[in-house]
Amino acid sequence: MTGQNDSRKEMLRDVLINGYRLETWDTYRTDRLGKSVLAYRFTGPDGEVIFEGADFCCSPLCAIDSDDCLRALLGFLTLQPGDTDEDYFDAYTDRQLEFAEGDAEYLGLWAHDSTMEFEEVEGEE
């Protein structure tokens, strides 16, 4: 994702998940099915960006600023080898593979357990 301060993007959520940070923005674009396209940045506890893009579309049944939308995005970000086709990880960087083979399993709990709460980041942009 480029142009984080682009006025065409509106911050939706900024949350902490066990030391990791997930930020989402509205791009004001839709896909061919009419679903909102969101931008995101997923950063490790060390501040290094692990995943970043402007290509996520959640279910039209979820509000784009909802916990359910964050959980759906985390479902993709926390995929691990064995969860899907092996070639899914071919374009992953070393850092992304390290995450997928490490903390992804634990953080994936937030994708599947609606009782786990996100910690909102306040006062930053």
Foldseek 3Di string as FASTA:
>chain_A
DPDPVPPQWAWQFWWDDPQKIKTKIFNPDADPVRFTFIWMWIAHNVRHTQDTDRGDGDDPVDDCNDLLVVLVVLLVLLAAVVNDDPCVCVPHDPSSNVCNVPVSVVSNVSSPDVVDDTGGDPDDD
